[in-house]
Amino acid sequence: MNLKPQRTNVLSEELLIGAIDIHVHPGPHLMTSPRRLDPIRVAIQARDAGMQALVYLDVSEMSNGIAWLVNQHVPDFHVYGGIILNTVYGGMNPRSVKTALYYGDGAKYIQFGTHSAYFQASREGRVIDGKYRLIQDIYPKFKSEELGRAIRIPVNEDPGVELDEILKLVADHPHVYLDTGHVSVEEAIRLVDLKKKYGYQKVIVSSSVTKLASVAQLKYMIAQGALVEHTIASYMAQQMIPGTHYYIEEEYMSIDEAMDKEAEGGIRRVGELVSELGAENCILSTDSGRYSMPTPLECMRVFIACMLDLNISAEEIRLMVKINPERLLGISS
């Protein structure tokens, strides 16, 4: 295996030019879970390195208001935002989606929950006395406060009134993409399948789903027109500590991503999946912003360097960090 021509700092930095990170969590955030940088500094660093755009995510607020503010103050660059349907917005709430579409610069994405997707929230937990225990078992009130409001996607039945309205809103705004969020693989497949019925144009399979799905399931969703996201945060050392604290109550702190064991395969698995699925169907992003991680810019450079080390070509990387995100965002380069 000839890796030598690719293993240079220069190439990892050159591939940042024109790149887009579609998954960045800048501040502000809960005081119990600080972010690495404020949104203006994140944008300036990315711009000065030659990147062309970022997409901001916020688990507590719609981020298109922050995006609007950054775009007023950081020239020659663009930031996009959207809404994550967490319990702070009431979960499956069409009114919040409708508002987000017309707030600030307007939502660029609608995501179906992170920690407030029922699939994840029901698995949130932490190790106590050497044993993994669920938050809902430690604190029964969690069931009504969070699980009772968390998002579930009906898999074997009609979407229901709220989901029906949300999907129609997405379809009526073709510049907006749907992000599966942290739902189960089966729920993600359902959202991809409903694309044909409702007519929305763009779907990205969240990295949280990518990690759990089989290659066959991912190929199925790709065949239906979805793009597949891979994030470096899923494979960093910080993954196995409570990196993101979504809940106001400190006692609800859990291992991030509701995992009860180490991610299998490590970052090498991303290289394997890119080879199996095709770079033309994948997007590399960072899920960066936690105060315990490097800056978003450095996370992206590290991810690019890791892919080069795994013998993913510069052309394939450019597809995944520039061309495919441009396609998702509707940007003409």
C-alpha atoms as a PDB file:
ATOM      1  CA  MET A   1       0.000   0.000   0.000  1.00  0.00           C
ATOM      2  CA  ASN A   2       1.592   3.260  -1.113  1.00  0.00           C
ATOM      3  CA  LEU A   3       0.596   6.006   1.318  1.00  0.00           C
ATOM      4  CA  LYS A   4       3.661   8.215   1.040  1.00  0.00           C
ATOM      5  CA  PRO A   5       2.465  10.778  -1.525  1.00  0.00           C
ATOM      6  CA  GLN A   6      -0.650  11.505   0.550  1.00  0.00           C
ATOM      7  CA  ARG A   7       0.907  11.767   4.009  1.00  0.00           C
ATOM      8  CA  THR A   8       1.714  15.468   4.093  1.00  0.00           C
ATOM      9  CA  ASN A   9       0.444  18.318   6.227  1.00  0.00           C
ATOM     10  CA  VAL A  10       0.260  20.409   3.071  1.00  0.00           C
ATOM     11  CA  LEU A  11      -2.291  18.112   1.417  1.00  0.00           C
ATOM     12  CA  SER A  12      -4.514  17.899   4.511  1.00  0.00           C
ATOM     13  CA  GLU A  13      -4.574  21.709   4.582  1.00  0.00           C
ATOM     14  CA  GLU A  14      -5.100  22.067   0.826  1.00  0.00           C
ATOM     15  CA  LEU A  15      -8.170  19.848   1.037  1.00  0.00           C
ATOM     16  CA  LEU A  16      -9.697  22.329   3.482  1.00  0.00           C
ATOM     17  CA  ILE A  17      -9.921  24.870   0.657  1.00  0.00           C
ATOM     18  CA  GLY A  18     -13.547  25.069  -0.428  1.00  0.00           C
ATOM     19  CA  ALA A  19     -14.583  22.500   2.176  1.00  0.00           C
ATOM     20  CA  ILE A  20     -17.871  22.621   4.079  1.00  0.00           C
ATOM     21  CA  ASP A  21     -18.486  21.145   7.529  1.00  0.00           C
ATOM     22  CA  ILE A  22     -22.202  20.386   7.874  1.00  0.00           C
ATOM     23  CA  HIS A  23     -22.076  19.464  11.564  1.00  0.00           C
ATOM     24  CA  VAL A  24     -20.613  22.061  13.954  1.00  0.00           C
ATOM     25  CA  HIS A  25     -21.812  22.884  17.488  1.00  0.00           C
ATOM     26  CA  PRO A  26     -20.430  26.306  18.515  1.00  0.00           C
ATOM     27  CA  GLY A  27     -21.492  28.219  21.608  1.00  0.00           C
ATOM     28  CA  PRO A  28     -23.544  29.299  23.354  1.00  0.00           C
ATOM     29  CA  HIS A  29     -24.683  26.201  25.221  1.00  0.00           C
ATOM     30  CA  LEU A  30     -25.669  25.070  28.696  1.00  0.00           C
ATOM     31  CA  MET A  31     -23.260  26.244  31.379  1.00  0.00           C
ATOM     32  CA  THR A  32     -22.813  22.590  32.386  1.00  0.00           C
ATOM     33  CA  SER A  33     -21.670  21.708  28.856  1.00  0.00           C
ATOM     34  CA  PRO A  34     -19.536  24.553  27.449  1.00  0.00           C
ATOM     35  CA  ARG A  35     -18.539  24.833  23.812  1.00  0.00           C
ATOM     36  CA  ARG A  36     -15.026  25.225  22.437  1.00  0.00           C
ATOM     37  CA  LEU A  37     -15.529  28.526  20.564  1.00  0.00           C
ATOM     38  CA  ASP A  38     -18.183  31.120  19.895  1.00  0.00           C
ATOM     39  CA  PRO A  39     -19.866  30.977  16.462  1.00  0.00           C
ATOM     40  CA  ILE A  40     -18.118  34.050  15.040  1.00  0.00           C
ATOM     41  CA  ARG A  41     -14.633  32.791  15.915  1.00  0.00           C
ATOM     42  CA  VAL A  42     -15.453  29.366  14.438  1.00  0.00           C
ATOM     43  CA  ALA A  43     -16.511  30.983  11.155  1.00  0.00           C
ATOM     44  CA  ILE A  44     -13.467  33.270  10.983  1.00  0.00           C
ATOM     45  CA  GLN A  45     -11.059  30.378  11.552  1.00  0.00           C
ATOM     46  CA  ALA A  46     -12.742  28.290   8.864  1.00  0.00           C
ATOM     47  CA  ARG A  47     -12.828  31.178   6.385  1.00  0.00           C
ATOM     48  CA  ASP A  48      -9.175  32.034   6.945  1.00  0.00           C
ATOM     49  CA  ALA A  49      -8.217  28.425   6.249  1.00  0.00           C
ATOM     50  CA  GLY A  50     -10.018  28.580   2.897  1.00  0.00           C
ATOM     51  CA  MET A  51     -13.231  26.771   3.789  1.00  0.00           C
ATOM     52  CA  GLN A  52     -16.402  28.145   2.163  1.00  0.00           C
ATOM     53  CA  ALA A  53     -19.218  27.374   4.615  1.00  0.00           C
ATOM     54  CA  LEU A  54     -20.335  25.759   7.863  1.00  0.00           C
ATOM     55  CA  VAL A  55     -23.635  24.382   9.116  1.00  0.00           C
ATOM     56  CA  TYR A  56     -24.350  25.077  12.781  1.00  0.00           C
ATOM     57  CA  LEU A  57     -26.359  22.756  15.008  1.00  0.00           C
ATOM     58  CA  ASP A  58     -27.712  23.550  18.468  1.00  0.00           C
ATOM     59  CA  VAL A  59     -29.475  20.979  20.650  1.00  0.00           C
ATOM     60  CA  SER A  60     -31.327  23.690  22.588  1.00  0.00           C
ATOM     61  CA  GLU A  61     -32.164  26.389  20.016  1.00  0.00           C
ATOM     62  CA  MET A  62     -32.777  26.783  16.308  1.00  0.00           C
ATOM     63  CA  SER A  63     -29.378  27.798  14.933  1.00  0.00           C
ATOM     64  CA  ASN A  64     -30.505  29.859  11.926  1.00  0.00           C
ATOM     65  CA  GLY A  65     -30.777  32.934  14.157  1.00  0.00           C
ATOM     66  CA  ILE A  66     -27.106  32.597  15.108  1.00  0.00           C
ATOM     67  CA  ALA A  67     -26.308  31.919  11.441  1.00  0.00           C
ATOM     68  CA  TRP A  68     -27.994  35.189  10.466  1.00  0.00           C
ATOM     69  CA  LEU A  69     -25.921  37.074  13.037  1.00  0.00           C
ATOM     70  CA  VAL A  70     -22.622  35.484  11.944  1.00  0.00           C
ATOM     71  CA  ASN A  71     -23.379  36.240   8.306  1.00  0.00           C
ATOM     72  CA  GLN A  72     -23.742  39.939   9.175  1.00  0.00           C
ATOM     73  CA  HIS A  73     -20.270  40.080  10.706  1.00  0.00           C
ATOM     74  CA  VAL A  74     -18.074  37.574   8.847  1.00  0.00           C
ATOM     75  CA  PRO A  75     -17.667  38.584   5.182  1.00  0.00           C
ATOM     76  CA  ASP A  76     -16.629  36.238   2.376  1.00  0.00           C
ATOM     77  CA  PHE A  77     -18.087  33.240   4.131  1.00  0.00           C
ATOM     78  CA  HIS A  78     -21.500  31.710   4.814  1.00  0.00           C
ATOM     79  CA  VAL A  79     -23.041  29.918   7.776  1.00  0.00           C
ATOM     80  CA  TYR A  80     -26.285  27.930   7.686  1.00  0.00           C
ATOM     81  CA  GLY A  81     -28.555  26.870  10.531  1.00  0.00           C
ATOM     82  CA  GLY A  82     -31.704  24.894  11.198  1.00  0.00           C
ATOM     83  CA  ILE A  83     -33.739  23.221  13.901  1.00  0.00           C
ATOM     84  CA  ILE A  84     -33.318  20.010  15.871  1.00  0.00           C
ATOM     85  CA  LEU A  85     -36.649  18.737  17.130  1.00  0.00           C
ATOM     86  CA  ASN A  86     -35.603  18.082  20.711  1.00  0.00           C
ATOM     87  CA  THR A  87     -37.912  18.218  23.710  1.00  0.00           C
ATOM     88  CA  VAL A  88     -37.064  21.881  24.281  1.00  0.00           C
ATOM     89  CA  TYR A  89     -39.270  22.486  21.221  1.00  0.00           C
ATOM     90  CA  GLY A  90     -41.842  19.908  22.247  1.00  0.00           C
ATOM     91  CA  GLY A  91     -40.479  17.111  20.084  1.00  0.00           C
ATOM     92  CA  MET A  92     -42.633  16.516  17.014  1.00  0.00           C
ATOM     93  CA  ASN A  93     -43.864  20.104  16.780  1.00  0.00           C
ATOM     94  CA  PRO A  94     -44.928  21.403  13.333  1.00  0.00           C
ATOM     95  CA  ARG A  95     -45.273  24.952  14.662  1.00  0.00           C
ATOM     96  CA  SER A  96     -41.603  25.081  15.603  1.00  0.00           C
ATOM     97  CA  VAL A  97     -40.659  23.849  12.120  1.00  0.00           C
ATOM     98  CA  LYS A  98     -42.847  26.444  10.437  1.00  0.00           C
ATOM     99  CA  THR A  99     -41.303  29.179  12.595  1.00  0.00           C
ATOM    100  CA  ALA A 100     -37.749  27.995  11.916  1.00  0.00           C
ATOM    101  CA  LEU A 101     -38.312  28.131   8.159  1.00  0.00           C
ATOM    102  CA  TYR A 102     -38.905  31.895   8.382  1.00  0.00           C
ATOM    103  CA  TYR A 103     -36.627  32.898  11.265  1.00  0.00           C
ATOM    104  CA  GLY A 104     -33.299  34.661  10.672  1.00  0.00           C
ATOM    105  CA  ASP A 105     -31.775  33.283   7.496  1.00  0.00           C
ATOM    106  CA  GLY A 106     -34.370  30.489   7.497  1.00  0.00           C
ATOM    107  CA  ALA A 107     -33.760  26.877   8.445  1.00  0.00           C
ATOM    108  CA  LYS A 108     -31.583  24.928   6.025  1.00  0.00           C
ATOM    109  CA  TYR A 109     -32.321  21.592   7.683  1.00  0.00           C
ATOM    110  CA  ILE A 110     -34.927  19.923   9.863  1.00  0.00           C
ATOM    111  CA  GLN A 111     -33.459  17.249  12.135  1.00  0.00           C
ATOM    112  CA  PHE A 112     -35.469  14.662  14.043  1.00  0.00           C
ATOM    113  CA  GLY A 113     -33.867  14.954  17.450  1.00  0.00           C
ATOM    114  CA  THR A 114     -30.506  14.197  19.023  1.00  0.00           C
ATOM    115  CA  HIS A 115     -30.697  13.276  22.696  1.00  0.00           C
ATOM    116  CA  SER A 116     -34.462  13.732  22.418  1.00  0.00           C
ATOM    117  CA  ALA A 117     -35.022  11.068  19.811  1.00  0.00           C
ATOM    118  CA  TYR A 118     -36.816   8.329  21.764  1.00  0.00           C
ATOM    119  CA  PHE A 119     -34.422   5.705  20.456  1.00  0.00           C
ATOM    120  CA  GLN A 120     -31.481   7.507  22.021  1.00  0.00           C
ATOM    121  CA  ALA A 121     -33.167   8.937  25.117  1.00  0.00           C
ATOM    122  CA  SER A 122     -34.434   5.496  26.092  1.00  0.00           C
ATOM    123  CA  ARG A 123     -30.835   4.227  26.025  1.00  0.00           C
ATOM    124  CA  GLU A 124     -29.196   7.146  27.821  1.00  0.00           C
ATOM    125  CA  GLY A 125     -27.324   5.979  30.876  1.00  0.00           C
ATOM    126  CA  ARG A 126     -24.099   5.854  32.804  1.00  0.00           C
ATOM    127  CA  VAL A 127     -21.956   3.403  34.713  1.00  0.00           C
ATOM    128  CA  ILE A 128     -22.658   3.190  38.459  1.00  0.00           C
ATOM    129  CA  ASP A 129     -20.660   0.796  40.616  1.00  0.00           C
ATOM    130  CA  GLY A 130     -19.337  -0.917  37.513  1.00  0.00           C
ATOM    131  CA  LYS A 131     -22.775  -1.496  35.954  1.00  0.00           C
ATOM    132  CA  TYR A 132     -24.423   0.395  33.081  1.00  0.00           C
ATOM    133  CA  ARG A 133     -27.766   1.784  34.220  1.00  0.00           C
ATOM    134  CA  LEU A 134     -30.419   3.663  32.258  1.00  0.00           C
ATOM    135  CA  ILE A 135     -31.280   7.223  33.300  1.00  0.00           C
ATOM    136  CA  GLN A 136     -34.977   6.337  33.192  1.00  0.00           C
ATOM    137  CA  ASP A 137     -34.383   3.600  35.787  1.00  0.00           C
ATOM    138  CA  ILE A 138     -32.291   5.835  38.043  1.00  0.00           C
ATOM    139  CA  TYR A 139     -34.696   8.791  37.799  1.00  0.00           C
ATOM    140  CA  PRO A 140     -38.276   7.710  36.931  1.00  0.00           C
ATOM    141  CA  LYS A 141     -39.295  11.360  36.380  1.00  0.00           C
ATOM    142  CA  PHE A 142     -37.100  11.254  33.276  1.00  0.00           C
ATOM    143  CA  LYS A 143     -39.795   9.136  31.618  1.00  0.00           C
ATOM    144  CA  SER A 144     -42.381  11.913  31.703  1.00  0.00           C
ATOM    145  CA  GLU A 145     -39.994  14.860  31.266  1.00  0.00           C
ATOM    146  CA  GLU A 146     -38.041  13.485  28.321  1.00  0.00           C
ATOM    147  CA  LEU A 147     -39.240  10.115  27.012  1.00  0.00           C
ATOM    148  CA  GLY A 148     -42.842  11.269  27.044  1.00  0.00           C
ATOM    149  CA  ARG A 149     -41.985  14.125  24.676  1.00  0.00           C
ATOM    150  CA  ALA A 150     -39.270  12.427  22.630  1.00  0.00           C
ATOM    151  CA  ILE A 151     -39.595  11.834  18.895  1.00  0.00           C
ATOM    152  CA  ARG A 152     -40.629   8.496  17.479  1.00  0.00           C
ATOM    153  CA  ILE A 153     -41.062   7.843  13.768  1.00  0.00           C
ATOM    154  CA  PRO A 154     -43.932   5.394  13.052  1.00  0.00           C
ATOM    155  CA  VAL A 155     -42.372   2.525  11.128  1.00  0.00           C
ATOM    156  CA  ASN A 156     -45.324   0.286  10.264  1.00  0.00           C
ATOM    157  CA  GLU A 157     -48.181   2.794  10.247  1.00  0.00           C
ATOM    158  CA  ASP A 158     -49.189   6.152   8.829  1.00  0.00           C
ATOM    159  CA  PRO A 159     -46.960   9.088   9.819  1.00  0.00           C
ATOM    160  CA  GLY A 160     -49.554  10.741  12.048  1.00  0.00           C
ATOM    161  CA  VAL A 161     -50.794  14.333  11.984  1.00  0.00           C
ATOM    162  CA  GLU A 162     -47.653  16.078  13.306  1.00  0.00           C
ATOM    163  CA  LEU A 163     -45.097  14.200  11.211  1.00  0.00           C
ATOM    164  CA  ASP A 164     -47.343  14.517   8.158  1.00  0.00           C
ATOM    165  CA  GLU A 165     -47.401  18.307   8.506  1.00  0.00           C
ATOM    166  CA  ILE A 166     -43.649  18.515   9.062  1.00  0.00           C
ATOM    167  CA  LEU A 167     -42.828  16.409   6.010  1.00  0.00           C
ATOM    168  CA  LYS A 168     -45.180  18.507   3.882  1.00  0.00           C
ATOM    169  CA  LEU A 169     -43.400  21.654   5.086  1.00  0.00           C
ATOM    170  CA  VAL A 170     -40.026  20.190   4.096  1.00  0.00           C
ATOM    171  CA  ALA A 171     -41.404  19.189   0.692  1.00  0.00           C
ATOM    172  CA  ASP A 172     -42.750  22.722   0.164  1.00  0.00           C
ATOM    173  CA  HIS A 173     -39.253  24.129   0.772  1.00  0.00           C
ATOM    174  CA  PRO A 174     -36.980  22.192  -1.610  1.00  0.00           C
ATOM    175  CA  HIS A 175     -33.866  24.093  -0.482  1.00  0.00           C
ATOM    176  CA  VAL A 176     -34.282  22.473   2.971  1.00  0.00           C
ATOM    177  CA  TYR A 177     -32.868  19.044   3.715  1.00  0.00           C
ATOM    178  CA  LEU A 178     -34.111  16.471   6.186  1.00  0.00           C
ATOM    179  CA  ASP A 179     -31.635  15.053   8.702  1.00  0.00           C
ATOM    180  CA  THR A 180     -32.695  11.753  10.267  1.00  0.00           C
ATOM    181  CA  GLY A 181     -31.189  12.713  13.617  1.00  0.00           C
ATOM    182  CA  HIS A 182     -30.521  10.088  16.278  1.00  0.00           C
ATOM    183  CA  VAL A 183     -33.478   7.841  15.533  1.00  0.00           C
ATOM    184  CA  SER A 184     -33.175   4.071  15.089  1.00  0.00           C
ATOM    185  CA  VAL A 185     -32.014   2.568  11.804  1.00  0.00           C
ATOM    186  CA  GLU A 186     -35.542   1.371  11.066  1.00  0.00           C
ATOM    187  CA  GLU A 187     -36.955   4.838  11.721  1.00  0.00           C
ATOM    188  CA  ALA A 188     -34.304   6.386   9.473  1.00  0.00           C
ATOM    189  CA  ILE A 189     -35.209   3.988   6.670  1.00  0.00           C
ATOM    190  CA  ARG A 190     -38.850   4.992   7.108  1.00  0.00           C
ATOM    191  CA  LEU A 191     -37.954   8.685   6.738  1.00  0.00           C
ATOM    192  CA  VAL A 192     -36.008   7.871   3.586  1.00  0.00           C
ATOM    193  CA  ASP A 193     -38.888   5.813   2.196  1.00  0.00           C
ATOM    194  CA  LEU A 194     -41.383   8.629   2.862  1.00  0.00           C
ATOM    195  CA  LYS A 195     -39.297  10.886   0.617  1.00  0.00           C
ATOM    196  CA  LYS A 196     -41.040   9.414  -2.428  1.00  0.00           C
ATOM    197  CA  LYS A 197     -44.539   9.868  -0.972  1.00  0.00           C
ATOM    198  CA  TYR A 198     -44.071  13.484   0.139  1.00  0.00           C
ATOM    199  CA  GLY A 199     -41.664  14.680  -2.534  1.00  0.00           C
ATOM    200  CA  TYR A 200     -38.964  16.254  -0.370  1.00  0.00           C
ATOM    201  CA  GLN A 201     -35.689  16.366  -2.208  1.00  0.00           C
ATOM    202  CA  LYS A 202     -32.779  15.878   0.191  1.00  0.00           C
ATOM    203  CA  VAL A 203     -32.128  13.493   3.060  1.00  0.00           C
ATOM    204  CA  ILE A 204     -28.944  12.864   5.024  1.00  0.00           C
ATOM    205  CA  VAL A 205     -28.514   9.808   7.196  1.00  0.00           C
ATOM    206  CA  SER A 206     -27.078  11.063  10.498  1.00  0.00           C
ATOM    207  CA  SER A 207     -23.771   9.625  11.653  1.00  0.00           C
ATOM    208  CA  SER A 208     -25.532   8.185  14.713  1.00  0.00           C
ATOM    209  CA  VAL A 209     -27.568   6.006  12.342  1.00  0.00           C
ATOM    210  CA  THR A 210     -24.589   5.271  10.091  1.00  0.00           C
ATOM    211  CA  LYS A 211     -22.697   3.719  13.021  1.00  0.00           C
ATOM    212  CA  LEU A 212     -25.519   1.269  13.732  1.00  0.00           C
ATOM    213  CA  ALA A 213     -26.756   0.435  10.234  1.00  0.00           C
ATOM    214  CA  SER A 214     -25.544  -2.512   8.178  1.00  0.00           C
ATOM    215  CA  VAL A 215     -23.892  -1.923   4.828  1.00  0.00           C
ATOM    216  CA  ALA A 216     -27.009  -3.361   3.162  1.00  0.00           C
ATOM    217  CA  GLN A 217     -29.241  -0.883   5.016  1.00  0.00           C
ATOM    218  CA  LEU A 218     -26.997   2.035   4.107  1.00  0.00           C
ATOM    219  CA  LYS A 219     -26.915   0.961   0.460  1.00  0.00           C
ATOM    220  CA  TYR A 220     -30.707   0.752   0.484  1.00  0.00           C
ATOM    221  CA  MET A 221     -31.039   4.321   1.777  1.00  0.00           C
ATOM    222  CA  ILE A 222     -28.479   5.525  -0.776  1.00  0.00           C
ATOM    223  CA  ALA A 223     -30.498   3.855  -3.542  1.00  0.00           C
ATOM    224  CA  GLN A 224     -33.503   5.911  -2.404  1.00  0.00           C
ATOM    225  CA  GLY A 225     -31.483   9.119  -2.802  1.00  0.00           C
ATOM    226  CA  ALA A 226     -30.014   9.676   0.674  1.00  0.00           C
ATOM    227  CA  LEU A 227     -26.500  10.825   1.505  1.00  0.00           C
ATOM    228  CA  VAL A 228     -24.623   9.161   4.380  1.00  0.00           C
ATOM    229  CA  GLU A 229     -22.819  11.208   7.042  1.00  0.00           C
ATOM    230  CA  HIS A 230     -19.630  10.189   8.849  1.00  0.00           C
ATOM    231  CA  THR A 231     -18.321  12.310  11.754  1.00  0.00           C
ATOM    232  CA  ILE A 232     -14.907  12.244  13.365  1.00  0.00           C
ATOM    233  CA  ALA A 233     -16.415  12.892  16.813  1.00  0.00           C
ATOM    234  CA  SER A 234     -17.872   9.379  16.739  1.00  0.00           C
ATOM    235  CA  TYR A 235     -14.375   7.941  16.838  1.00  0.00           C
ATOM    236  CA  MET A 236     -12.433  10.308  19.088  1.00  0.00           C
ATOM    237  CA  ALA A 237     -11.322   9.533  22.635  1.00  0.00           C
ATOM    238  CA  GLN A 238     -13.871  11.994  24.012  1.00  0.00           C
ATOM    239  CA  GLN A 239     -16.686   9.739  22.768  1.00  0.00           C
ATOM    240  CA  MET A 240     -16.732   7.574  25.895  1.00  0.00           C
ATOM    241  CA  ILE A 241     -17.151  10.373  28.443  1.00  0.00           C
ATOM    242  CA  PRO A 242     -20.200  12.646  28.869  1.00  0.00           C
ATOM    243  CA  GLY A 243     -19.087  15.046  26.148  1.00  0.00           C
ATOM    244  CA  THR A 244     -22.450  16.692  25.485  1.00  0.00           C
ATOM    245  CA  HIS A 245     -24.744  17.275  28.424  1.00  0.00           C
ATOM    246  CA  TYR A 246     -28.156  17.954  26.869  1.00  0.00           C
ATOM    247  CA  TYR A 247     -30.226  18.042  30.043  1.00  0.00           C
ATOM    248  CA  ILE A 248     -30.388  20.929  32.518  1.00  0.00           C
ATOM    249  CA  GLU A 249     -30.380  18.440  35.402  1.00  0.00           C
ATOM    250  CA  GLU A 250     -26.808  17.350  36.087  1.00  0.00           C
ATOM    251  CA  GLU A 251     -28.019  14.011  37.447  1.00  0.00           C
ATOM    252  CA  TYR A 252     -29.158  13.046  33.925  1.00  0.00           C
ATOM    253  CA  MET A 253     -25.612  13.166  32.575  1.00  0.00           C
ATOM    254  CA  SER A 254     -24.866  10.059  30.511  1.00  0.00           C
ATOM    255  CA  ILE A 255     -22.239   8.527  28.291  1.00  0.00           C
ATOM    256  CA  ASP A 256     -22.550  10.444  25.039  1.00  0.00           C
ATOM    257  CA  GLU A 257     -24.565   8.832  22.223  1.00  0.00           C
ATOM    258  CA  ALA A 258     -26.100   6.416  24.771  1.00  0.00           C
ATOM    259  CA  MET A 259     -23.353   3.892  24.114  1.00  0.00           C
ATOM    260  CA  ASP A 260     -22.608   1.230  26.708  1.00  0.00           C
ATOM    261  CA  LYS A 261     -19.425   0.012  25.031  1.00  0.00           C
ATOM    262  CA  GLU A 262     -16.598   1.337  22.907  1.00  0.00           C
ATOM    263  CA  ALA A 263     -17.340   2.067  19.261  1.00  0.00           C
ATOM    264  CA  GLU A 264     -16.214  -0.961  17.285  1.00  0.00           C
ATOM    265  CA  GLY A 265     -13.743  -0.669  14.451  1.00  0.00           C
ATOM    266  CA  GLY A 266     -12.559   2.858  15.221  1.00  0.00           C
ATOM    267  CA  ILE A 267     -12.051   5.447  12.522  1.00  0.00           C
ATOM    268  CA  ARG A 268     -10.750   2.751  10.192  1.00  0.00           C
ATOM    269  CA  ARG A 269     -14.394   1.761   9.805  1.00  0.00           C
ATOM    270  CA  VAL A 270     -15.109   5.087   8.058  1.00  0.00           C
ATOM    271  CA  GLY A 271     -12.497   4.298   5.433  1.00  0.00           C
ATOM    272  CA  GLU A 272     -14.021   0.850   4.944  1.00  0.00           C
ATOM    273  CA  LEU A 273     -17.530   2.266   4.583  1.00  0.00           C
ATOM    274  CA  VAL A 274     -16.395   4.919   2.108  1.00  0.00           C
ATOM    275  CA  SER A 275     -14.854   2.188  -0.020  1.00  0.00           C
ATOM    276  CA  GLU A 276     -18.001   0.035   0.202  1.00  0.00           C
ATOM    277  CA  LEU A 277     -20.583   2.772  -0.272  1.00  0.00           C
ATOM    278  CA  GLY A 278     -18.683   5.052  -2.655  1.00  0.00           C
ATOM    279  CA  ALA A 279     -17.384   8.513  -1.823  1.00  0.00           C
ATOM    280  CA  GLU A 280     -20.036  10.004  -4.100  1.00  0.00           C
ATOM    281  CA  ASN A 281     -22.648   8.919  -1.530  1.00  0.00           C
ATOM    282  CA  CYS A 282     -20.908  10.128   1.643  1.00  0.00           C
ATOM    283  CA  ILE A 283     -20.212  13.346   3.528  1.00  0.00           C
ATOM    284  CA  LEU A 284     -17.436  13.834   6.070  1.00  0.00           C
ATOM    285  CA  SER A 285     -18.231  16.227   8.926  1.00  0.00           C
ATOM    286  CA  THR A 286     -16.931  16.765  12.442  1.00  0.00           C
ATOM    287  CA  ASP A 287     -19.746  17.027  15.037  1.00  0.00           C
ATOM    288  CA  SER A 288     -17.256  19.321  16.725  1.00  0.00           C
ATOM    289  CA  GLY A 289     -17.694  22.059  19.290  1.00  0.00           C
ATOM    290  CA  ARG A 290     -17.354  20.290  22.640  1.00  0.00           C
ATOM    291  CA  TYR A 291     -14.879  22.043  24.871  1.00  0.00           C
ATOM    292  CA  SER A 292     -12.897  18.797  25.254  1.00  0.00           C
ATOM    293  CA  MET A 293     -12.286  18.526  21.503  1.00  0.00           C
ATOM    294  CA  PRO A 294      -9.946  20.422  19.168  1.00  0.00           C
ATOM    295  CA  THR A 295     -11.407  23.383  17.294  1.00  0.00           C
ATOM    296  CA  PRO A 296     -13.845  22.572  14.469  1.00  0.00           C
ATOM    297  CA  LEU A 297     -11.240  23.591  11.890  1.00  0.00           C
ATOM    298  CA  GLU A 298      -8.602  21.281  13.345  1.00  0.00           C
ATOM    299  CA  CYS A 299     -11.140  18.443  13.672  1.00  0.00           C
ATOM    300  CA  MET A 300     -11.844  18.687   9.960  1.00  0.00           C
ATOM    301  CA  ARG A 301      -8.144  18.742   9.092  1.00  0.00           C
ATOM    302  CA  VAL A 302      -7.542  15.716  11.328  1.00  0.00           C
ATOM    303  CA  PHE A 303     -10.440  13.843   9.696  1.00  0.00           C
ATOM    304  CA  ILE A 304      -9.018  14.577   6.255  1.00  0.00           C
ATOM    305  CA  ALA A 305      -5.559  13.443   7.389  1.00  0.00           C
ATOM    306  CA  CYS A 306      -6.980  10.209   8.792  1.00  0.00           C
ATOM    307  CA  MET A 307      -8.725   9.457   5.511  1.00  0.00           C
ATOM    308  CA  LEU A 308      -5.494  10.103   3.616  1.00  0.00           C
ATOM    309  CA  ASP A 309      -3.733   7.694   5.974  1.00  0.00           C
ATOM    310  CA  LEU A 310      -6.416   5.114   5.200  1.00  0.00           C
ATOM    311  CA  ASN A 311      -5.613   5.474   1.488  1.00  0.00           C
ATOM    312  CA  ILE A 312      -8.788   7.357   0.591  1.00  0.00           C
ATOM    313  CA  SER A 313      -7.735   9.491  -2.349  1.00  0.00           C
ATOM    314  CA  ALA A 314      -7.643  13.280  -2.373  1.00  0.00           C
ATOM    315  CA  GLU A 315     -10.304  13.226  -5.109  1.00  0.00           C
ATOM    316  CA  GLU A 316     -12.614  11.094  -2.966  1.00  0.00           C
ATOM    317  CA  ILE A 317     -12.063  13.341   0.049  1.00  0.00           C
ATOM    318  CA  ARG A 318     -12.846  16.432  -2.003  1.00  0.00           C
ATOM    319  CA  LEU A 319     -16.115  14.787  -3.033  1.00  0.00           C
ATOM    320  CA  MET A 320     -17.047  14.194   0.611  1.00  0.00           C
ATOM    321  CA  VAL A 321     -15.982  17.532   2.115  1.00  0.00           C
ATOM    322  CA  LYS A 322     -16.828  19.881  -0.759  1.00  0.00           C
ATOM    323  CA  ILE A 323     -18.837  18.565  -3.706  1.00  0.00           C
ATOM    324  CA  ASN A 324     -21.430  16.516  -1.810  1.00  0.00           C
ATOM    325  CA  PRO A 325     -22.030  19.180   0.869  1.00  0.00           C
ATOM    326  CA  GLU A 326     -22.470  21.730  -1.934  1.00  0.00           C
ATOM    327  CA  ARG A 327     -25.070  19.417  -3.450  1.00  0.00           C
ATOM    328  CA  LEU A 328     -26.842  19.069  -0.108  1.00  0.00           C
ATOM    329  CA  LEU A 329     -26.871  22.834   0.475  1.00  0.00           C
ATOM    330  CA  GLY A 330     -27.691  23.785  -3.093  1.00  0.00           C
ATOM    331  CA  ILE A 331     -24.424  25.680  -3.618  1.00  0.00           C
ATOM    332  CA  SER A 332     -22.933  26.125  -7.088  1.00  0.00           C
ATOM    333  CA  SER A 333     -19.139  26.145  -6.998  1.00  0.00           C
END
